[in-house]
Protein backbone atom coordinates (compact mmCIF):
# COMPACT_ATOMS: atom_id res chain seq x y z
CA MET A 1 9.55 -20.79 8.50
CA GLY A 2 12.42 -19.18 8.46
CA LYS A 3 12.83 -15.76 10.06
CA GLN A 4 13.57 -14.37 6.91
CA ASN A 5 10.30 -15.92 5.16
CA GLN A 6 8.76 -15.08 7.81
CA TYR A 7 10.00 -11.28 7.63
CA ILE A 8 9.47 -11.46 4.27
CA ALA A 9 5.73 -12.53 4.48
CA GLN A 10 5.02 -9.85 6.16
CA LEU A 11 5.90 -8.06 3.71
CA GLU A 12 4.08 -9.57 1.43
CA LYS A 13 0.79 -8.99 3.97
CA LEU A 14 1.86 -5.14 3.78
CA LEU A 15 2.29 -3.80 0.75
CA THR A 16 -1.41 -5.73 -0.06
CA HIS A 17 -3.03 -3.21 2.55
CA LEU A 18 -0.36 -0.75 1.77
CA LYS A 19 -2.26 -1.34 -2.19
CA ASN A 20 -5.33 -1.23 -0.94
CA ALA A 21 -5.66 1.91 1.61
CA LYS A 22 -3.92 3.84 -0.81
CA LEU A 23 -7.51 2.97 -3.19
CA THR A 24 -8.99 4.10 -0.11
CA TYR A 25 -7.73 7.63 0.27
CA LEU A 26 -8.44 7.62 -3.61
CA LYS A 27 -12.07 6.86 -2.77
CA ALA A 28 -12.63 9.71 -0.12
CA ALA A 29 -10.20 12.03 -2.01
CA ASP A 30 -13.10 11.73 -4.68
CA GLU A 31 -15.85 11.37 -2.59
CA ALA A 32 -14.61 14.52 -0.79
CA ASN A 33 -16.85 17.36 -1.58
CA ALA A 34 -14.51 20.27 0.04
CA SER A 35 -10.96 21.33 -1.46
CA GLU A 36 -9.49 20.81 2.17
CA GLU A 37 -10.19 17.19 2.54
CA LYS A 38 -9.81 16.49 -1.17
CA ARG A 39 -6.07 17.75 -0.82
CA PHE A 40 -5.77 14.94 2.31
CA PHE A 41 -7.34 12.19 1.47
CA ASN A 42 -4.87 12.49 -2.49
CA GLN A 43 -1.60 13.45 0.94
CA GLU A 44 -2.93 10.09 2.33
CA ALA A 45 -3.16 8.56 -0.93
CA LEU A 46 0.46 9.76 -2.37
CA LEU A 47 1.83 9.13 0.99
CA ARG A 48 0.36 5.10 1.13
CA ASN A 49 1.72 4.79 -2.19
CA ARG A 50 4.98 5.99 -1.76
CA PHE A 51 5.29 3.65 1.40
CA PHE A 52 4.76 0.15 -1.01
CA GLN A 53 7.31 1.88 -3.17
CA GLU A 54 10.10 1.48 -0.08
CA VAL A 55 8.67 -1.60 0.70
CA LEU A 56 8.99 -3.19 -2.24
CA SER A 57 12.16 -1.57 -2.75
CA GLU A 58 13.25 -4.05 0.85
CA ILE A 59 11.82 -7.00 -0.96
CA GLN A 60 13.80 -6.80 -2.92
CA THR A 61 17.13 -6.14 -1.45
CA LEU A 62 16.33 -9.59 0.34
CA GLY A 63 16.29 -11.76 -3.08
CA MET A 64 11.94 -11.28 -4.07
CA SER A 65 10.79 -9.58 -7.55
CA TYR A 66 7.30 -8.32 -8.19
CA ASP A 67 6.74 -10.79 -10.30
CA ASP A 68 6.41 -13.79 -6.93
CA LEU A 69 4.63 -11.27 -5.54
CA VAL A 70 1.31 -12.32 -4.70
CA ILE A 71 0.44 -8.77 -5.33
CA GLY A 72 1.68 -8.08 -7.92
CA GLY A 73 -1.04 -9.62 -10.19
CA PHE A 74 -5.18 -8.56 -9.23
CA ASN A 75 -6.05 -10.99 -6.95
CA PHE A 76 -10.03 -10.85 -7.00
CA ASN A 77 -10.79 -13.31 -4.17
CA GLN A 78 -8.15 -11.75 -1.63
CA LEU A 79 -9.53 -8.14 -2.84
CA LEU A 80 -13.04 -9.21 -2.05
CA ILE A 81 -12.37 -11.07 1.37
CA SER A 82 -10.14 -7.94 2.72
CA SER A 83 -13.68 -5.90 1.87
CA VAL A 84 -17.21 -7.60 3.14
CA ASP A 85 -16.80 -6.45 6.04
CA ILE A 86 -16.40 -3.23 5.40
CA LEU A 87 -18.68 -2.76 2.45
CA LYS A 88 -21.16 -1.05 4.88
CA ASN A 89 -19.52 1.66 6.32
CA SER A 90 -18.11 5.19 5.12
CA THR A 91 -14.70 6.57 3.15
CA LEU A 92 -13.62 7.63 6.36
CA ASP A 93 -14.41 5.32 8.49
CA LYS A 94 -12.44 2.90 5.94
CA CYS A 95 -10.06 5.04 6.05
CA LEU A 96 -9.14 4.07 9.54
CA GLN A 97 -9.51 1.04 9.55
CA SER A 98 -7.20 0.72 6.81
CA ASP A 99 -4.83 2.81 8.47
CA THR A 100 -5.46 0.09 11.93
CA ILE A 101 -4.63 -2.75 9.95
CA LEU A 102 -0.81 -1.10 8.23
CA LEU A 103 -0.13 -0.57 12.03
CA GLU A 104 -0.90 -3.68 13.36
CA ILE A 105 1.43 -5.32 10.24
CA TYR A 106 4.05 -3.07 11.31
CA SER A 107 3.88 -3.86 14.93
CA LYS A 108 4.66 -7.86 13.97
CA ILE A 109 7.50 -6.84 10.87
CA LEU A 110 9.50 -3.99 13.56
CA PRO A 111 10.89 -7.61 15.71
CA PHE A 112 12.59 -9.32 12.37
CA ILE A 113 14.55 -5.81 11.69
CA GLU A 114 17.19 -3.32 14.09
CA ASP A 115 17.52 -0.80 12.40
CA THR A 116 13.73 0.53 12.27
CA SER A 117 14.27 3.31 11.22
CA LYS A 118 11.86 3.71 7.69
CA PHE A 119 8.85 1.81 9.06
CA ASP A 120 9.17 3.90 12.58
CA ARG A 121 8.37 6.86 9.98
CA HIS A 122 5.67 5.07 8.95
CA ILE A 123 4.02 4.36 11.21
CA ASN A 124 4.47 8.05 12.28
CA VAL A 125 2.47 9.21 9.43
CA ILE A 126 -0.22 6.46 9.47
CA LYS A 127 -0.93 7.75 13.27
CA LYS A 128 -1.18 11.17 12.73
CA ALA A 129 -3.54 10.31 9.91
CA ILE A 130 -5.90 8.24 12.07
CA ASN A 131 -5.91 11.05 14.23
CA GLU A 132 -6.54 13.55 11.68
CA ASN A 133 -9.39 11.35 10.83
CA ASN A 134 -10.42 10.27 14.19
CA SER A 135 -10.74 14.87 14.07
CA SER A 136 -13.14 15.06 11.57
CA PHE A 137 -14.95 11.16 11.97
CA SER A 138 -16.28 13.49 15.79
CA MET A 139 -16.42 16.72 13.49
CA LEU A 140 -19.24 14.26 11.04
CA SER A 141 -20.53 13.14 13.78
CA VAL A 142 -21.81 16.19 15.15
CA GLU A 143 -22.56 18.23 11.80
CA ASN A 144 -24.38 15.32 11.61
CA GLN A 145 -26.74 14.70 14.74
CA ILE A 146 -27.57 18.74 14.46
CA ASN A 147 -29.20 18.24 10.89
CA SER A 148 -30.79 15.07 12.44
CA SER A 149 -32.06 17.25 14.63
CA TYR A 150 -33.76 20.06 12.69
């Protein structure tokens, strides 16, 4: 497989996971109780959607159309496979897992390009979200331990 085809394949994989991450964050926003949590999760969903649009634009500059991509249609099998492992996890944990997968995909994409500034910005935003989610996850664990001791 040629270098450009490998790059396109990784971008297509990234699109699928960005779409799933957006949906995960939207679900987290729906389940959140506090308005600041809802705002945070909705903002992160919006950012994943913006990244999706930027990656889609990158693919289109390489001569691919949206209709040629797997993500153009609903791929139930791919969605099922990607979600089976994390069905039992909390919504916050699912957000962390989605972002970790995104970082792995970005790390595979960076060697294919010379100007990494656009993707570096994506990576920094995702790392910031992971840090904020980790701190929220830690606080939630402490709250659960306190509540369970009563």
